[in-house]
Protein backbone atom coordinates (compact mmCIF):
# COMPACT_ATOMS: atom_id res chain seq x y z
CA UNK A 1 -13.15 67.77 -4.81
CA UNK A 2 -13.10 64.40 -3.02
CA UNK A 3 -11.40 61.30 -4.60
CA UNK A 4 -13.30 58.16 -5.65
CA UNK A 5 -14.70 56.17 -2.76
CA UNK A 6 -14.32 52.38 -2.40
CA UNK A 7 -17.55 50.43 -2.94
CA UNK A 8 -19.18 49.44 0.30
CA UNK A 9 -19.99 45.70 0.69
CA UNK A 10 -23.69 45.14 1.07
CA UNK A 11 -24.77 44.23 4.53
CA UNK A 12 -26.11 40.65 4.71
CA UNK A 13 -28.80 39.80 7.09
CA UNK A 14 -28.01 36.97 9.54
CA UNK A 15 -30.32 34.46 7.78
CA UNK A 16 -28.59 34.89 4.39
CA UNK A 17 -25.17 34.66 6.04
CA UNK A 18 -26.17 31.44 7.80
CA UNK A 19 -27.48 29.97 4.53
CA UNK A 20 -24.16 30.71 2.77
CA UNK A 21 -22.15 29.15 5.57
CA UNK A 22 -24.38 26.04 5.42
CA UNK A 23 -23.81 25.72 1.64
CA UNK A 24 -20.04 25.99 2.09
CA UNK A 25 -20.09 23.36 4.84
CA UNK A 26 -22.16 20.98 2.65
CA UNK A 27 -19.80 21.48 -0.33
CA UNK A 28 -16.79 20.77 1.91
CA UNK A 29 -18.47 17.63 3.31
CA UNK A 30 -19.26 16.30 -0.19
CA UNK A 31 -15.66 16.95 -1.30
CA UNK A 32 -14.28 15.01 1.71
CA UNK A 33 -16.71 12.11 1.10
CA UNK A 34 -15.70 12.00 -2.59
CA UNK A 35 -11.99 11.89 -1.65
CA UNK A 36 -12.57 9.16 0.95
CA UNK A 37 -14.64 7.05 -1.44
CA UNK A 38 -11.65 6.68 -3.79
CA UNK A 39 -9.48 5.23 -0.99
CA UNK A 40 -9.59 1.53 -0.02
CA UNK A 41 -9.71 1.35 3.74
CA UNK A 42 -10.10 -2.44 4.11
CA UNK A 43 -10.26 -5.55 1.92
CA UNK A 44 -13.54 -7.39 1.57
CA UNK A 45 -12.45 -10.96 2.37
CA UNK A 46 -15.85 -12.45 1.44
CA UNK A 47 -15.59 -11.22 -2.14
CA UNK A 48 -12.02 -12.53 -2.38
CA UNK A 49 -13.09 -15.98 -1.10
CA UNK A 50 -15.91 -16.09 -3.67
CA UNK A 51 -13.42 -15.29 -6.41
CA UNK A 52 -10.98 -17.99 -5.22
CA UNK A 53 -13.80 -20.58 -5.07
CA UNK A 54 -14.80 -19.82 -8.65
CA UNK A 55 -11.19 -20.13 -9.82
CA UNK A 56 -10.78 -23.43 -7.93
CA UNK A 57 -13.93 -24.91 -9.49
CA UNK A 58 -12.78 -23.78 -12.93
CA UNK A 59 -9.36 -25.39 -12.46
CA UNK A 60 -10.85 -28.64 -11.16
CA UNK A 61 -13.23 -28.75 -14.13
CA UNK A 62 -10.35 -28.07 -16.50
CA UNK A 63 -8.32 -30.85 -14.91
CA UNK A 64 -11.08 -33.41 -15.35
CA UNK A 65 -11.93 -32.28 -18.89
CA UNK A 66 -8.47 -32.68 -20.39
CA UNK A 67 -8.16 -35.49 -22.92
CA UNK A 68 -5.78 -38.41 -22.69
CA UNK A 69 -2.56 -37.80 -24.54
CA UNK A 70 -0.42 -40.45 -26.13
CA UNK A 71 3.05 -39.76 -27.46
CA UNK A 72 3.95 -41.94 -30.40
CA UNK A 73 7.47 -43.30 -30.19
CA UNK A 74 9.61 -46.20 -31.36
CA UNK A 75 9.13 -47.93 -27.98
CA UNK A 76 5.35 -48.17 -28.17
CA UNK A 77 3.17 -49.28 -31.04
CA UNK A 78 -0.43 -49.74 -29.82
CA UNK A 79 -2.74 -52.17 -31.62
CA UNK A 80 -4.89 -50.83 -34.46
CA UNK A 81 -8.67 -51.08 -34.08
CA UNK A 82 -11.85 -50.02 -35.83
CA UNK A 83 -13.51 -48.84 -32.59
CA UNK A 84 -15.20 -45.45 -32.56
CA UNK A 85 -15.03 -44.93 -28.78
CA UNK A 86 -13.10 -41.88 -27.62
CA UNK A 87 -10.59 -42.04 -24.76
CA UNK A 88 -11.55 -40.58 -21.39
CA UNK A 89 -9.38 -38.75 -18.94
CA UNK A 90 -8.42 -41.43 -16.41
CA UNK A 91 -5.29 -42.74 -14.75
CA UNK A 92 -3.06 -43.80 -17.65
CA UNK A 93 -0.53 -46.62 -17.46
CA UNK A 94 1.81 -47.07 -20.43
CA UNK A 95 3.58 -50.40 -20.95
CA UNK A 96 6.50 -50.43 -23.39
CA UNK A 97 9.05 -53.20 -23.97
CA UNK A 98 11.46 -51.20 -21.75
CA UNK A 99 9.38 -49.41 -19.08
CA UNK A 100 6.10 -49.07 -17.22
CA UNK A 101 4.92 -45.48 -16.90
CA UNK A 102 2.16 -43.81 -14.90
CA UNK A 103 1.20 -40.68 -16.80
CA UNK A 104 4.50 -39.47 -18.25
CA UNK A 105 6.68 -40.76 -15.39
CA UNK A 106 8.67 -43.98 -15.57
CA UNK A 107 8.00 -46.09 -12.44
CA UNK A 108 9.56 -49.43 -13.43
CA UNK A 109 12.40 -50.24 -15.82
CA UNK A 110 11.84 -53.68 -17.35
CA UNK A 111 14.56 -56.28 -17.83
CA UNK A 112 14.17 -58.27 -21.05
CA UNK A 113 10.47 -57.31 -21.16
CA UNK A 114 9.82 -58.53 -17.59
CA UNK A 115 9.41 -56.83 -14.22
CA UNK A 116 12.58 -57.34 -12.13
CA UNK A 117 12.08 -59.75 -9.24
CA UNK A 118 13.21 -57.06 -6.76
CA UNK A 119 10.21 -54.89 -7.80
CA UNK A 120 7.65 -57.66 -7.24
CA UNK A 121 5.74 -58.65 -4.14
CA UNK A 122 3.90 -61.74 -5.32
CA UNK A 123 1.92 -60.51 -8.31
CA UNK A 124 2.05 -56.81 -7.25
CA UNK A 125 4.56 -54.45 -8.90
CA UNK A 126 5.66 -52.40 -5.89
CA UNK A 127 6.69 -49.08 -7.60
CA UNK A 128 3.59 -49.21 -9.83
CA UNK A 129 1.41 -49.90 -6.77
CA UNK A 130 2.85 -46.83 -4.99
CA UNK A 131 2.38 -44.55 -8.04
CA UNK A 132 -1.21 -45.73 -8.62
CA UNK A 133 -2.00 -45.27 -4.92
CA UNK A 134 -0.98 -41.58 -5.21
CA UNK A 135 -3.03 -41.10 -8.41
CA UNK A 136 -6.13 -42.69 -6.87
CA UNK A 137 -5.78 -40.57 -3.72
CA UNK A 138 -5.60 -37.44 -5.90
CA UNK A 139 -8.70 -38.45 -7.90
CA UNK A 140 -10.65 -39.20 -4.70
CA UNK A 141 -9.64 -35.82 -3.28
CA UNK A 142 -10.97 -34.10 -6.41
CA UNK A 143 -14.17 -36.19 -6.37
CA UNK A 144 -14.86 -35.20 -2.74
CA UNK A 145 -14.70 -31.52 -3.65
CA UNK A 146 -16.18 -31.59 -7.16
CA UNK A 147 -19.36 -33.67 -7.66
CA UNK A 148 -19.02 -33.18 -11.43
CA UNK A 149 -15.82 -35.28 -11.40
CA UNK A 150 -16.66 -38.54 -9.59
CA UNK A 151 -14.04 -41.24 -9.08
CA UNK A 152 -14.81 -43.69 -11.91
CA UNK A 153 -12.35 -46.49 -10.97
CA UNK A 154 -11.16 -46.47 -14.59
CA UNK A 155 -7.68 -47.16 -15.89
CA UNK A 156 -6.45 -46.44 -19.40
CA UNK A 157 -3.81 -48.94 -20.50
CA UNK A 158 -1.56 -47.86 -23.35
CA UNK A 159 0.29 -51.01 -24.25
CA UNK A 160 2.68 -51.96 -26.98
CA UNK A 161 1.31 -54.75 -29.18
CA UNK A 162 4.45 -56.84 -28.47
CA UNK A 163 4.23 -56.94 -24.64
CA UNK A 164 3.75 -60.40 -23.08
CA UNK A 165 0.27 -61.26 -21.84
CA UNK A 166 1.64 -62.20 -18.40
CA UNK A 167 3.12 -58.69 -18.00
CA UNK A 168 -0.24 -57.15 -18.89
CA UNK A 169 -1.98 -59.35 -16.30
CA UNK A 170 0.55 -58.32 -13.64
CA UNK A 171 -0.08 -54.62 -14.35
CA UNK A 172 -3.87 -55.09 -14.29
CA UNK A 173 -3.68 -57.06 -11.03
CA UNK A 174 -1.66 -54.26 -9.43
CA UNK A 175 -4.18 -51.69 -10.69
CA UNK A 176 -7.05 -53.75 -9.28
CA UNK A 177 -5.45 -53.62 -5.83
CA UNK A 178 -5.80 -49.81 -6.07
CA UNK A 179 -9.56 -49.83 -6.86
CA UNK A 180 -8.95 -49.37 -10.61
CA UNK A 181 -11.35 -52.08 -11.75
CA UNK A 182 -12.52 -50.85 -15.17
CA UNK A 183 -9.89 -51.08 -17.88
CA UNK A 184 -9.76 -49.18 -21.15
CA UNK A 185 -7.16 -50.30 -23.65
CA UNK A 186 -6.00 -47.39 -25.77
CA UNK A 187 -5.64 -48.40 -29.41
CA UNK A 188 -5.03 -46.59 -32.66
CA UNK A 189 -7.98 -46.11 -34.96
CA UNK A 190 -7.31 -46.47 -38.60
CA UNK A 191 -5.82 -43.05 -39.39
CA UNK A 192 -3.61 -42.91 -36.22
CA UNK A 193 -6.24 -41.40 -33.89
CA UNK A 194 -6.18 -42.68 -30.28
CA UNK A 195 -9.31 -44.54 -29.20
CA UNK A 196 -10.29 -46.65 -26.18
CA UNK A 197 -11.88 -50.08 -25.91
CA UNK A 198 -13.57 -50.65 -22.56
CA UNK A 199 -13.18 -53.91 -20.66
CA UNK A 200 -14.97 -54.44 -17.33
């Protein structure tokens, strides 16, 4: 009696064999394409530039939209007013009995409430002139690149109520030499809220 025989594989005709080989080749091609699709071969610089432009516009808009800030201290006591105008974001010059500041940076130390003679060139306060020149150049640069933030030629003056009128005139004259022609005097509203009175 003969032992069990191994099953014989069915014979495939050439057309069926070719069809199976084609299916395997297509499956292999799809697998390779799927693997390659998950890999980054090159960076798309156009998309990155679009993203950077959007971020730049957002930052410029944020810069121009920030409100003026005024730190209350013993050195500065602005006048009190009943105005309802709100301060704008402009170049800010603070005049205290001891210093003149542009933004938060001291540019001139006063002597007995007056600008030292060494810091004056006629009626122009030299360190203040240099600081304002930088601020105006920065604002013009922003205005050239962001039409929503034009250069307004405005100056916010935060002055102590005790400063001499002649000192105020000297500061305003120096500002005028730097195209800052429209002045806003920052005052305290009743209730200690900063406000701005415009003077053209």
